[in-house]
C-alpha atoms as a PDB file:
ATOM      1  CA  MET A   1       0.000   0.000   0.000  1.00  0.00           C
ATOM      2  CA  LYS A   2       1.217   3.493  -0.847  1.00  0.00           C
ATOM      3  CA  ARG A   3       0.074   6.617   1.045  1.00  0.00           C
ATOM      4  CA  ILE A   4       0.736  10.069  -0.347  1.00  0.00           C
ATOM      5  CA  ARG A   5       0.013  13.144   1.767  1.00  0.00           C
ATOM      6  CA  LEU A   6      -0.172  16.606   0.283  1.00  0.00           C
ATOM      7  CA  ASP A   7      -0.420  18.673   3.455  1.00  0.00           C
ATOM      8  CA  GLY A   8      -1.871  22.123   2.925  1.00  0.00           C
ATOM      9  CA  TRP A   9      -2.931  21.350  -0.649  1.00  0.00           C
ATOM     10  CA  TYR A  10      -6.557  21.787  -1.629  1.00  0.00           C
ATOM     11  CA  ALA A  11      -8.915  19.976  -3.986  1.00  0.00           C
ATOM     12  CA  VAL A  12     -10.800  21.552  -6.859  1.00  0.00           C
ATOM     13  CA  PRO A  13     -13.656  19.953  -8.784  1.00  0.00           C
ATOM     14  CA  LYS A  14     -12.956  18.513 -12.195  1.00  0.00           C
ATOM     15  CA  ALA A  15     -13.830  21.112 -14.788  1.00  0.00           C
ATOM     16  CA  ARG A  16     -15.956  20.545 -17.854  1.00  0.00           C
ATOM     17  CA  PRO A  17     -14.435  21.244 -21.269  1.00  0.00           C
ATOM     18  CA  ARG A  18     -15.282  24.618 -22.791  1.00  0.00           C
ATOM     19  CA  VAL A  19     -16.404  24.615 -26.415  1.00  0.00           C
ATOM     20  CA  THR A  20     -15.878  27.677 -28.569  1.00  0.00           C
ATOM     21  CA  ALA A  21     -15.777  28.445 -32.281  1.00  0.00           C
ATOM     22  CA  HIS A  22     -11.992  27.992 -32.028  1.00  0.00           C
ATOM     23  CA  GLY A  23     -12.082  24.522 -30.487  1.00  0.00           C
ATOM     24  CA  THR A  24     -12.485  22.709 -27.189  1.00  0.00           C
ATOM     25  CA  PHE A  25     -10.299  23.415 -24.157  1.00  0.00           C
ATOM     26  CA  MET A  26     -10.174  22.946 -20.404  1.00  0.00           C
ATOM     27  CA  PRO A  27     -10.272  26.098 -18.254  1.00  0.00           C
ATOM     28  CA  PRO A  28      -6.747  27.412 -17.560  1.00  0.00           C
ATOM     29  CA  GLY A  29      -7.245  27.589 -13.770  1.00  0.00           C
ATOM     30  CA  TYR A  30      -8.142  23.897 -13.631  1.00  0.00           C
ATOM     31  CA  MET A  31      -5.215  22.961 -15.887  1.00  0.00           C
ATOM     32  CA  ASP A  32      -2.817  24.923 -13.635  1.00  0.00           C
ATOM     33  CA  TRP A  33      -4.167  23.109 -10.526  1.00  0.00           C
ATOM     34  CA  LYS A  34      -3.923  19.727 -12.252  1.00  0.00           C
ATOM     35  CA  GLN A  35      -0.316  20.341 -13.340  1.00  0.00           C
ATOM     36  CA  GLU A  36       0.784  21.535  -9.895  1.00  0.00           C
ATOM     37  CA  THR A  37      -0.985  18.604  -8.223  1.00  0.00           C
ATOM     38  CA  SER A  38       0.743  16.195 -10.640  1.00  0.00           C
ATOM     39  CA  ASN A  39       4.093  17.783  -9.748  1.00  0.00           C
ATOM     40  CA  LEU A  40       3.407  17.393  -6.011  1.00  0.00           C
ATOM     41  CA  LEU A  41       2.348  13.766  -6.508  1.00  0.00           C
ATOM     42  CA  ARG A  42       5.496  13.101  -8.588  1.00  0.00           C
ATOM     43  CA  ARG A  43       7.713  14.434  -5.781  1.00  0.00           C
ATOM     44  CA  ALA A  44       5.880  12.324  -3.194  1.00  0.00           C
ATOM     45  CA  HIS A  45       5.798   9.161  -5.350  1.00  0.00           C
ATOM     46  CA  ALA A  46       9.356   8.827  -6.622  1.00  0.00           C
ATOM     47  CA  ALA A  47       8.713   5.515  -8.374  1.00  0.00           C
ATOM     48  CA  PRO A  48       7.349   4.448 -11.747  1.00  0.00           C
ATOM     49  CA  PRO A  49       3.565   4.653 -12.124  1.00  0.00           C
ATOM     50  CA  LEU A  50       1.720   1.650 -10.714  1.00  0.00           C
ATOM     51  CA  GLU A  51       0.226  -0.830 -13.169  1.00  0.00           C
ATOM     52  CA  GLY A  52      -2.594  -3.334 -12.905  1.00  0.00           C
ATOM     53  CA  LEU A  53      -5.956  -2.941 -11.248  1.00  0.00           C
ATOM     54  CA  LEU A  54      -5.807  -0.534  -8.304  1.00  0.00           C
ATOM     55  CA  ASP A  55      -7.907   0.544  -5.346  1.00  0.00           C
ATOM     56  CA  VAL A  56      -7.580   4.312  -4.791  1.00  0.00           C
ATOM     57  CA  ARG A  57      -8.888   6.169  -1.745  1.00  0.00           C
ATOM     58  CA  VAL A  58      -8.774   9.941  -1.492  1.00  0.00           C
ATOM     59  CA  TRP A  59      -9.288  11.958   1.690  1.00  0.00           C
ATOM     60  CA  ILE A  60      -9.914  15.693   1.536  1.00  0.00           C
ATOM     61  CA  SER A  61      -9.271  17.346   4.886  1.00  0.00           C
ATOM     62  CA  SER A  62     -10.576  20.882   5.145  1.00  0.00           C
ATOM     63  CA  THR A  63     -12.277  23.114   7.685  1.00  0.00           C
ATOM     64  CA  LYS A  64     -14.802  24.070   4.991  1.00  0.00           C
ATOM     65  CA  LYS A  65     -16.497  21.586   2.689  1.00  0.00           C
ATOM     66  CA  PRO A  66     -14.821  21.991  -0.722  1.00  0.00           C
ATOM     67  CA  ARG A  67     -16.956  23.405  -3.489  1.00  0.00           C
ATOM     68  CA  GLY A  68     -18.149  20.932  -6.088  1.00  0.00           C
ATOM     69  CA  ASP A  69     -19.568  17.450  -5.921  1.00  0.00           C
ATOM     70  CA  ILE A  70     -17.430  14.745  -4.362  1.00  0.00           C
ATOM     71  CA  ASP A  71     -17.321  12.780  -7.635  1.00  0.00           C
ATOM     72  CA  ASN A  72     -15.856  15.820  -9.423  1.00  0.00           C
ATOM     73  CA  LEU A  73     -13.285  16.284  -6.639  1.00  0.00           C
ATOM     74  CA  LEU A  74     -12.274  12.616  -6.924  1.00  0.00           C
ATOM     75  CA  GLY A  75     -12.126  12.853 -10.732  1.00  0.00           C
ATOM     76  CA  ALA A  76      -9.739  15.802 -10.572  1.00  0.00           C
ATOM     77  CA  VAL A  77      -7.348  13.959  -8.227  1.00  0.00           C
ATOM     78  CA  LEU A  78      -7.506  10.805 -10.376  1.00  0.00           C
ATOM     79  CA  ASP A  79      -6.672  12.849 -13.492  1.00  0.00           C
ATOM     80  CA  ALA A  80      -3.730  14.516 -11.722  1.00  0.00           C
ATOM     81  CA  GLY A  81      -2.332  11.066 -10.826  1.00  0.00           C
ATOM     82  CA  ASN A  82      -2.405   9.765 -14.413  1.00  0.00           C
ATOM     83  CA  GLY A  83       1.071   8.812 -15.587  1.00  0.00           C
ATOM     84  CA  VAL A  84       2.487   9.764 -12.185  1.00  0.00           C
ATOM     85  CA  VAL A  85       1.091   7.482  -9.469  1.00  0.00           C
ATOM     86  CA  TRP A  86      -0.819   5.119 -11.769  1.00  0.00           C
ATOM     87  CA  VAL A  87      -0.425   4.502 -15.482  1.00  0.00           C
ATOM     88  CA  ASP A  88      -4.022   5.414 -16.334  1.00  0.00           C
ATOM     89  CA  ASP A  89      -7.112   5.951 -14.195  1.00  0.00           C
ATOM     90  CA  ARG A  90      -9.034   3.628 -16.525  1.00  0.00           C
ATOM     91  CA  LYS A  91      -7.151   0.799 -14.764  1.00  0.00           C
ATOM     92  CA  ILE A  92      -8.562   1.708 -11.351  1.00  0.00           C
ATOM     93  CA  GLY A  93     -10.909  -1.049 -10.211  1.00  0.00           C
ATOM     94  CA  SER A  94     -12.206   0.745  -7.130  1.00  0.00           C
ATOM     95  CA  ALA A  95     -12.111   4.368  -5.943  1.00  0.00           C
ATOM     96  CA  SER A  96     -13.543   6.338  -3.057  1.00  0.00           C
ATOM     97  CA  CYS A  97     -13.389   9.890  -1.777  1.00  0.00           C
ATOM     98  CA  SER A  98     -14.103  11.180   1.731  1.00  0.00           C
ATOM     99  CA  TRP A  99     -14.231  14.638   3.233  1.00  0.00           C
ATOM    100  CA  VAL A 100     -12.982  14.905   6.814  1.00  0.00           C
ATOM    101  CA  THR A 101     -12.264  17.797   9.153  1.00  0.00           C
ATOM    102  CA  PRO A 102      -8.596  18.457   9.973  1.00  0.00           C
ATOM    103  CA  GLY A 103      -7.366  16.417  12.908  1.00  0.00           C
ATOM    104  CA  GLU A 104      -9.661  13.417  12.306  1.00  0.00           C
ATOM    105  CA  ILE A 105      -7.098  11.637  10.128  1.00  0.00           C
ATOM    106  CA  PHE A 106      -4.435  14.264   9.317  1.00  0.00           C
ATOM    107  CA  ALA A 107      -3.908  17.997   8.961  1.00  0.00           C
ATOM    108  CA  GLU A 108      -5.582  20.056   6.248  1.00  0.00           C
ATOM    109  CA  GLY A 109      -4.798  18.827   2.737  1.00  0.00           C
ATOM    110  CA  LEU A 110      -5.144  15.754   0.547  1.00  0.00           C
ATOM    111  CA  MET A 111      -4.191  12.150   1.166  1.00  0.00           C
ATOM    112  CA  VAL A 112      -4.187   9.479  -1.535  1.00  0.00           C
ATOM    113  CA  GLU A 113      -3.924   5.788  -0.681  1.00  0.00           C
ATOM    114  CA  VAL A 114      -3.240   3.280  -3.458  1.00  0.00           C
ATOM    115  CA  LYS A 115      -3.113  -0.495  -3.284  1.00  0.00           C
ATOM    116  CA  GLU A 116      -3.684  -3.480  -5.520  1.00  0.00           C
ATOM    117  CA  TRP A 117      -7.392  -4.058  -6.164  1.00  0.00           C
ATOM    118  CA  THR A 118      -8.811  -7.508  -5.584  1.00  0.00           C
ATOM    119  CA  PRO A 119     -12.515  -8.040  -6.178  1.00  0.00           C
ATOM    120  CA  GLN A 120     -14.447  -9.349  -3.195  1.00  0.00           C
ATOM    121  CA  GLY A 121     -16.639 -12.389  -3.641  1.00  0.00           C
END
């Protein structure tokens, strides 16, 4: 099992693509967050990306409930981990996301736990 803590880092919801007459793009603010989060994950996970089916758990610790739905928060973290912690989030067999207040599990920030996924039953 691998645990990655990003103390003091915040979660943002996964953005929807913007469509214009000039093409489709992701909002720049979201892309900046995703790139910085990928960089932080890369520093914390100094190993090749994990392969195979994985079980990923994400904890968001914040004094205020983050804006956005929890599935969009999880999606953003999974996208940031692509090619860094795991090869591709399409290979994740199980994922969960929880919001906790600081001090319950750890200080304010994000924690990502990754382990091999084995189906039950």
